[in-house]
Amino acid sequence: MKVAIVVASNGLIAKELLQVAYHTVGSISNVSSISFFEGDSVEVLLERYKTTLGNLNVEHGILFLIESKSSAHEYAASYFSLLYPTCKIVTGINLPMLLSLFISDNNETNPLILATRAQEYGKQAVCILPDAETSLSKSHLI
């Protein structure tokens, strides 16, 4: 992955999403997760972001994939986007979004293109399934 990707969430969601992605698609480079736990201060979160970014290659920019809007992660990612102008922030991360990015976009060098694709992949993954009675005939039921 040429653009650095930071997956950030409250609790262990980000870490676990990356673990599942690693087990699904294999080794992924230039990607890291950041967690924020109950009782952590914003200062602690900012330090986690700083440490994480120091361990990634940010030469081609950074894509922050954060759990939700109006959160401590939005604040932290926005703060670092001032320090690293080639950053994009996408809210509402999901596993299909991550897998699609890791499978198809591992050489992208433009954070805006990667952010746009992440948004599209995430939207495509969210759908309303038809009711069971309309999607399954009674012959399929045990």
C-alpha atoms as a PDB file:
ATOM      1  CA  MET A   1       0.000   0.000   0.000  1.00  0.00           C
ATOM      2  CA  LYS A   2       1.650   3.227  -1.074  1.00  0.00           C
ATOM      3  CA  VAL A   3      -0.739   5.569   0.751  1.00  0.00           C
ATOM      4  CA  ALA A   4      -0.504   4.968   4.492  1.00  0.00           C
ATOM      5  CA  ILE A   5      -3.794   3.761   5.975  1.00  0.00           C
ATOM      6  CA  VAL A   6      -4.763   4.311   9.592  1.00  0.00           C
ATOM      7  CA  VAL A   7      -7.856   2.475  10.829  1.00  0.00           C
ATOM      8  CA  ALA A   8      -9.142   4.059  14.039  1.00  0.00           C
ATOM      9  CA  SER A   9     -11.980   3.234  16.408  1.00  0.00           C
ATOM     10  CA  ASN A  10     -13.167   3.144  19.966  1.00  0.00           C
ATOM     11  CA  GLY A  11     -12.317  -0.112  21.692  1.00  0.00           C
ATOM     12  CA  LEU A  12     -10.749  -2.919  19.691  1.00  0.00           C
ATOM     13  CA  ILE A  13     -12.874  -2.643  16.536  1.00  0.00           C
ATOM     14  CA  ALA A  14     -10.081  -1.222  14.343  1.00  0.00           C
ATOM     15  CA  LYS A  15      -7.533  -3.767  15.523  1.00  0.00           C
ATOM     16  CA  GLU A  16      -9.922  -6.670  14.961  1.00  0.00           C
ATOM     17  CA  LEU A  17     -10.984  -5.423  11.507  1.00  0.00           C
ATOM     18  CA  LEU A  18      -7.326  -5.382  10.474  1.00  0.00           C
ATOM     19  CA  GLN A  19      -6.785  -8.862  11.928  1.00  0.00           C
ATOM     20  CA  VAL A  20      -9.661 -10.254   9.878  1.00  0.00           C
ATOM     21  CA  ALA A  21      -8.371  -8.442   6.787  1.00  0.00           C
ATOM     22  CA  TYR A  22      -4.868  -9.874   7.329  1.00  0.00           C
ATOM     23  CA  HIS A  23      -6.286 -13.393   7.633  1.00  0.00           C
ATOM     24  CA  THR A  24      -8.411 -12.879   4.519  1.00  0.00           C
ATOM     25  CA  VAL A  25      -5.997 -11.226   2.075  1.00  0.00           C
ATOM     26  CA  GLY A  26      -2.617 -11.915   3.632  1.00  0.00           C
ATOM     27  CA  SER A  27       0.160  -9.513   4.453  1.00  0.00           C
ATOM     28  CA  ILE A  28      -0.685  -5.836   4.126  1.00  0.00           C
ATOM     29  CA  SER A  29       1.956  -3.131   4.377  1.00  0.00           C
ATOM     30  CA  ASN A  30       1.809   0.502   5.463  1.00  0.00           C
ATOM     31  CA  VAL A  31      -1.381   0.002   7.480  1.00  0.00           C
ATOM     32  CA  SER A  32      -1.968   0.353  11.206  1.00  0.00           C
ATOM     33  CA  SER A  33      -4.794   0.616  13.718  1.00  0.00           C
ATOM     34  CA  ILE A  34      -5.424   2.987  16.598  1.00  0.00           C
ATOM     35  CA  SER A  35      -7.752   2.287  19.513  1.00  0.00           C
ATOM     36  CA  PHE A  36      -9.326   4.696  21.990  1.00  0.00           C
ATOM     37  CA  PHE A  37     -10.548   3.286  25.272  1.00  0.00           C
ATOM     38  CA  GLU A  38     -12.853   4.532  27.994  1.00  0.00           C
ATOM     39  CA  GLY A  39     -10.807   6.668  30.366  1.00  0.00           C
ATOM     40  CA  ASP A  40      -8.195   7.616  27.729  1.00  0.00           C
ATOM     41  CA  SER A  41      -7.573  11.323  27.291  1.00  0.00           C
ATOM     42  CA  VAL A  42      -7.442  13.158  23.982  1.00  0.00           C
ATOM     43  CA  GLU A  43      -3.755  13.781  24.681  1.00  0.00           C
ATOM     44  CA  VAL A  44      -3.160  10.009  24.884  1.00  0.00           C
ATOM     45  CA  LEU A  45      -5.049   9.548  21.605  1.00  0.00           C
ATOM     46  CA  LEU A  46      -2.999  12.247  19.876  1.00  0.00           C
ATOM     47  CA  GLU A  47       0.180  10.547  21.081  1.00  0.00           C
ATOM     48  CA  ARG A  48      -1.049   7.217  19.619  1.00  0.00           C
ATOM     49  CA  TYR A  49      -1.643   8.933  16.276  1.00  0.00           C
ATOM     50  CA  LYS A  50       1.818  10.532  16.386  1.00  0.00           C
ATOM     51  CA  THR A  51       3.511   7.210  17.199  1.00  0.00           C
ATOM     52  CA  THR A  52       1.529   5.331  14.560  1.00  0.00           C
ATOM     53  CA  LEU A  53       2.296   7.874  11.835  1.00  0.00           C
ATOM     54  CA  GLY A  54       5.960   7.748  12.799  1.00  0.00           C
ATOM     55  CA  ASN A  55       5.941   4.015  12.034  1.00  0.00           C
ATOM     56  CA  LEU A  56       4.295   4.355   8.602  1.00  0.00           C
ATOM     57  CA  ASN A  57       5.612   5.593   5.268  1.00  0.00           C
ATOM     58  CA  VAL A  58       3.549   8.766   4.760  1.00  0.00           C
ATOM     59  CA  GLU A  59       5.446   9.947   1.656  1.00  0.00           C
ATOM     60  CA  HIS A  60       2.359   9.461  -0.576  1.00  0.00           C
ATOM     61  CA  GLY A  61      -0.147  10.681   1.994  1.00  0.00           C
ATOM     62  CA  ILE A  62      -2.412   9.202   4.617  1.00  0.00           C
ATOM     63  CA  LEU A  63      -5.929   7.809   4.520  1.00  0.00           C
ATOM     64  CA  PHE A  64      -7.633   7.856   7.908  1.00  0.00           C
ATOM     65  CA  LEU A  65     -10.508   5.372   8.096  1.00  0.00           C
ATOM     66  CA  ILE A  66     -12.324   6.235  11.299  1.00  0.00           C
ATOM     67  CA  GLU A  67     -15.272   4.683  13.040  1.00  0.00           C
ATOM     68  CA  SER A  68     -17.601   7.670  13.084  1.00  0.00           C
ATOM     69  CA  LYS A  69     -18.054  11.355  12.535  1.00  0.00           C
ATOM     70  CA  SER A  70     -18.080  13.806  15.474  1.00  0.00           C
ATOM     71  CA  SER A  71     -15.717  11.665  17.512  1.00  0.00           C
ATOM     72  CA  ALA A  72     -12.345  11.940  19.208  1.00  0.00           C
ATOM     73  CA  HIS A  73     -10.922  10.174  16.146  1.00  0.00           C
ATOM     74  CA  GLU A  74     -12.291  12.834  13.828  1.00  0.00           C
ATOM     75  CA  TYR A  75     -10.616  15.456  16.012  1.00  0.00           C
ATOM     76  CA  ALA A  76      -7.277  13.602  16.066  1.00  0.00           C
ATOM     77  CA  ALA A  77      -7.285  12.791  12.340  1.00  0.00           C
ATOM     78  CA  SER A  78      -8.215  16.399  11.528  1.00  0.00           C
ATOM     79  CA  TYR A  79      -5.382  17.646  13.726  1.00  0.00           C
ATOM     80  CA  PHE A  80      -2.852  15.479  11.877  1.00  0.00           C
ATOM     81  CA  SER A  81      -4.291  16.430   8.496  1.00  0.00           C
ATOM     82  CA  LEU A  82      -3.083  19.956   9.283  1.00  0.00           C
ATOM     83  CA  LEU A  83       0.439  18.599   9.781  1.00  0.00           C
ATOM     84  CA  TYR A  84       0.283  16.262   6.771  1.00  0.00           C
ATOM     85  CA  PRO A  85      -1.612  18.095   4.000  1.00  0.00           C
ATOM     86  CA  THR A  86      -1.910  15.007   1.760  1.00  0.00           C
ATOM     87  CA  CYS A  87      -4.446  13.321   4.054  1.00  0.00           C
ATOM     88  CA  LYS A  88      -8.047  12.290   3.642  1.00  0.00           C
ATOM     89  CA  ILE A  89     -10.497  11.168   6.312  1.00  0.00           C
ATOM     90  CA  VAL A  90     -13.315   8.682   5.654  1.00  0.00           C
ATOM     91  CA  THR A  91     -15.871   7.890   8.359  1.00  0.00           C
ATOM     92  CA  GLY A  92     -17.925   4.725   8.768  1.00  0.00           C
ATOM     93  CA  ILE A  93     -15.398   1.961   8.230  1.00  0.00           C
ATOM     94  CA  ASN A  94     -16.532  -1.580   7.477  1.00  0.00           C
ATOM     95  CA  LEU A  95     -14.826  -4.868   6.651  1.00  0.00           C
ATOM     96  CA  PRO A  96     -15.825  -5.052   2.954  1.00  0.00           C
ATOM     97  CA  MET A  97     -14.397  -1.542   2.505  1.00  0.00           C
ATOM     98  CA  LEU A  98     -11.073  -2.644   3.959  1.00  0.00           C
ATOM     99  CA  LEU A  99     -10.901  -5.876   1.990  1.00  0.00           C
ATOM    100  CA  SER A 100     -11.689  -4.110  -1.283  1.00  0.00           C
ATOM    101  CA  LEU A 101      -9.004  -1.498  -0.627  1.00  0.00           C
ATOM    102  CA  PHE A 102      -6.391  -4.098   0.244  1.00  0.00           C
ATOM    103  CA  ILE A 103      -7.177  -6.337  -2.707  1.00  0.00           C
ATOM    104  CA  SER A 104      -7.525  -3.778  -5.482  1.00  0.00           C
ATOM    105  CA  ASP A 105      -5.783  -0.563  -4.481  1.00  0.00           C
ATOM    106  CA  ASN A 106      -2.461  -1.550  -2.952  1.00  0.00           C
ATOM    107  CA  ASN A 107      -0.367   0.691  -5.226  1.00  0.00           C
ATOM    108  CA  GLU A 108      -2.454   3.868  -5.118  1.00  0.00           C
ATOM    109  CA  THR A 109      -0.414   7.014  -4.466  1.00  0.00           C
ATOM    110  CA  ASN A 110      -3.260   9.559  -4.369  1.00  0.00           C
ATOM    111  CA  PRO A 111      -5.111   9.774  -1.028  1.00  0.00           C
ATOM    112  CA  LEU A 112      -8.147  11.460  -2.626  1.00  0.00           C
ATOM    113  CA  ILE A 113      -8.634   8.621  -5.118  1.00  0.00           C
ATOM    114  CA  LEU A 114      -8.209   6.063  -2.336  1.00  0.00           C
ATOM    115  CA  ALA A 115     -10.675   7.918  -0.081  1.00  0.00           C
ATOM    116  CA  THR A 116     -13.250   8.075  -2.883  1.00  0.00           C
ATOM    117  CA  ARG A 117     -12.874   4.352  -3.530  1.00  0.00           C
ATOM    118  CA  ALA A 118     -13.111   3.562   0.195  1.00  0.00           C
ATOM    119  CA  GLN A 119     -16.359   5.521   0.393  1.00  0.00           C
ATOM    120  CA  GLU A 120     -17.785   3.698  -2.618  1.00  0.00           C
ATOM    121  CA  TYR A 121     -16.685   0.263  -1.381  1.00  0.00           C
ATOM    122  CA  GLY A 122     -18.221   1.008   2.013  1.00  0.00           C
ATOM    123  CA  LYS A 123     -21.538   2.101   0.483  1.00  0.00           C
ATOM    124  CA  GLN A 124     -21.699  -0.976  -1.749  1.00  0.00           C
ATOM    125  CA  ALA A 125     -21.308  -3.189   1.315  1.00  0.00           C
ATOM    126  CA  VAL A 126     -24.391  -1.792   3.054  1.00  0.00           C
ATOM    127  CA  CYS A 127     -27.704  -3.085   1.761  1.00  0.00           C
ATOM    128  CA  ILE A 128     -31.148  -4.179   2.870  1.00  0.00           C
ATOM    129  CA  LEU A 129     -31.755  -7.841   2.161  1.00  0.00           C
ATOM    130  CA  PRO A 130     -35.191  -8.974   1.037  1.00  0.00           C
ATOM    131  CA  ASP A 131     -37.442 -10.564   3.620  1.00  0.00           C
ATOM    132  CA  ALA A 132     -36.804 -14.259   4.109  1.00  0.00           C
ATOM    133  CA  GLU A 133     -40.308 -15.168   2.984  1.00  0.00           C
ATOM    134  CA  THR A 134     -39.776 -13.463  -0.371  1.00  0.00           C
ATOM    135  CA  SER A 135     -36.216 -14.662  -0.913  1.00  0.00           C
ATOM    136  CA  LEU A 136     -36.609 -18.304   0.115  1.00  0.00           C
ATOM    137  CA  SER A 137     -39.248 -20.688  -1.027  1.00  0.00           C
ATOM    138  CA  LYS A 138     -40.654 -23.149   1.499  1.00  0.00           C
ATOM    139  CA  SER A 139     -38.754 -25.948  -0.248  1.00  0.00           C
ATOM    140  CA  HIS A 140     -35.483 -24.405   0.966  1.00  0.00           C
ATOM    141  CA  LEU A 141     -36.544 -24.544   4.594  1.00  0.00           C
ATOM    142  CA  ILE A 142     -35.724 -27.576   6.714  1.00  0.00           C
END
